[in-house]
C-alpha cells in the first residue's frame, strides 16, 4: 500500500469536508434523531458511495485524458469558483458598508 498517497488523500478530504454543508446536515440530523448511530452509518455510507463514484469517474477520465490536463482543468475550476465567490461576496447587501454584520442587522 502507498501510505504517502493514503495519508495525503485522507488529509485533503478530511480538511475539505470540515464544516461543509454535508457535515452541517449530518450534525443537524444527529441532533434531531434518537439514533445517532444510524445517522453516522448512513452519512458514512453516503460519503463512501460518492467517493466510489468519483474514483470510478477518475479512472474513466484518466484513460482518455492525460493527468497533466486533469490537473490543469481542476486548477482552472478552483480559480473560476474562487473568482465567482469573491465577486458574489462583494455583491451581498451591506458588504461594502464597512459595518460589521451585527451593526447592519440592527439598523
Protein backbone atom coordinates (compact mmCIF):
# COMPACT_ATOMS: atom_id res chain seq x y z
CA UNK A 1 0.00 0.00 0.00
CA UNK A 2 1.16 3.52 -0.81
CA UNK A 3 0.95 5.08 2.67
CA UNK A 4 2.06 8.52 1.47
CA UNK A 5 -0.82 8.61 -1.03
CA UNK A 6 -3.20 7.30 1.64
CA UNK A 7 -2.15 9.97 4.14
CA UNK A 8 -2.26 12.86 1.65
CA UNK A 9 -5.66 11.77 0.33
CA UNK A 10 -7.05 11.37 3.87
CA UNK A 11 -5.73 14.78 4.92
CA UNK A 12 -7.03 16.56 1.83
CA UNK A 13 -10.52 15.05 2.04
CA UNK A 14 -10.74 15.40 5.83
CA UNK A 15 -9.85 19.10 5.69
CA UNK A 16 -12.09 19.75 2.68
CA UNK A 17 -15.07 18.15 4.40
CA UNK A 18 -14.69 20.00 7.72
CA UNK A 19 -17.56 22.42 8.13
CA UNK A 20 -19.09 21.85 4.70
CA UNK A 21 -22.82 21.56 4.10
CA UNK A 22 -22.73 17.76 4.31
CA UNK A 23 -21.21 17.85 7.78
CA UNK A 24 -23.68 20.51 8.89
CA UNK A 25 -26.59 18.42 7.57
CA UNK A 26 -25.24 15.36 9.41
CA UNK A 27 -24.89 17.39 12.60
CA UNK A 28 -28.47 18.58 12.25
CA UNK A 29 -29.81 15.08 11.61
CA UNK A 30 -27.87 13.63 14.54
CA UNK A 31 -29.10 16.39 16.82
CA UNK A 32 -32.74 15.79 15.94
CA UNK A 33 -32.56 12.00 15.96
CA UNK A 34 -32.75 9.44 18.70
CA UNK A 35 -30.46 7.07 16.81
CA UNK A 36 -27.16 8.80 16.17
CA UNK A 37 -25.50 5.54 15.05
CA UNK A 38 -27.99 5.23 12.19
CA UNK A 39 -27.18 8.80 11.12
CA UNK A 40 -23.46 8.02 11.37
CA UNK A 41 -23.78 4.81 9.34
CA UNK A 42 -25.94 6.44 6.67
CA UNK A 43 -23.72 9.51 6.31
CA UNK A 44 -20.58 7.35 6.21
CA UNK A 45 -22.13 5.13 3.53
CA UNK A 46 -23.16 8.20 1.54
CA UNK A 47 -19.62 9.63 1.67
CA UNK A 48 -18.12 6.28 0.71
CA UNK A 49 -20.59 5.99 -2.18
CA UNK A 50 -19.85 9.45 -3.56
CA UNK A 51 -16.13 8.76 -3.21
CA UNK A 52 -16.56 5.49 -5.14
CA UNK A 53 -18.32 7.35 -7.94
CA UNK A 54 -15.51 9.93 -8.04
CA UNK A 55 -12.82 7.21 -8.14
CA UNK A 56 -14.62 5.34 -10.93
CA UNK A 57 -15.11 8.53 -12.95
CA UNK A 58 -11.48 9.45 -12.32
CA UNK A 59 -10.40 6.10 -13.69
CA UNK A 60 -12.52 6.55 -16.83
CA UNK A 61 -11.26 10.10 -17.38
CA UNK A 62 -7.63 9.06 -16.85
CA UNK A 63 -7.94 6.53 -19.68
CA UNK A 64 -8.79 9.28 -22.16
CA UNK A 65 -7.18 12.44 -20.77
CA UNK A 66 -3.52 12.85 -19.75
CA UNK A 67 -3.08 13.55 -15.99
CA UNK A 68 -1.49 16.94 -16.64
CA UNK A 69 -4.72 18.13 -18.33
CA UNK A 70 -6.86 16.79 -15.50
CA UNK A 71 -4.74 18.77 -13.01
CA UNK A 72 -4.94 21.90 -15.18
CA UNK A 73 -8.71 21.58 -15.53
CA UNK A 74 -9.13 21.07 -11.77
CA UNK A 75 -6.96 24.10 -11.09
CA UNK A 76 -8.96 26.18 -13.54
CA UNK A 77 -12.24 25.12 -11.95
CA UNK A 78 -10.95 26.11 -8.49
CA UNK A 79 -9.78 29.51 -9.77
CA UNK A 80 -13.10 30.17 -11.53
CA UNK A 81 -15.09 29.17 -8.43
CA UNK A 82 -12.85 31.37 -6.28
CA UNK A 83 -13.47 34.36 -8.53
CA UNK A 84 -17.22 33.67 -8.56
CA UNK A 85 -17.27 33.52 -4.74
CA UNK A 86 -15.22 36.69 -4.41
CA UNK A 87 -17.44 38.59 -6.83
CA UNK A 88 -20.54 37.23 -5.09
CA UNK A 89 -19.21 38.34 -1.70
CA UNK A 90 -18.84 41.91 -2.98
CA UNK A 91 -22.44 41.92 -4.19
CA UNK A 92 -24.00 40.91 -0.85
CA UNK A 93 -26.21 43.60 0.68
CA UNK A 94 -24.23 45.79 3.05
CA UNK A 95 -20.92 44.11 2.23
CA UNK A 96 -19.41 47.41 1.13
CA UNK A 97 -20.75 49.47 4.02
CA UNK A 98 -17.81 48.63 6.26
CA UNK A 99 -20.14 47.85 9.14
CA UNK A 100 -19.95 44.51 10.92
CA UNK A 101 -22.91 42.22 10.23
CA UNK A 102 -24.37 42.75 13.71
CA UNK A 103 -24.49 46.53 13.18
CA UNK A 104 -26.23 46.13 9.79
CA UNK A 105 -28.81 43.76 11.26
CA UNK A 106 -29.85 46.21 13.98
CA UNK A 107 -30.39 49.20 11.73
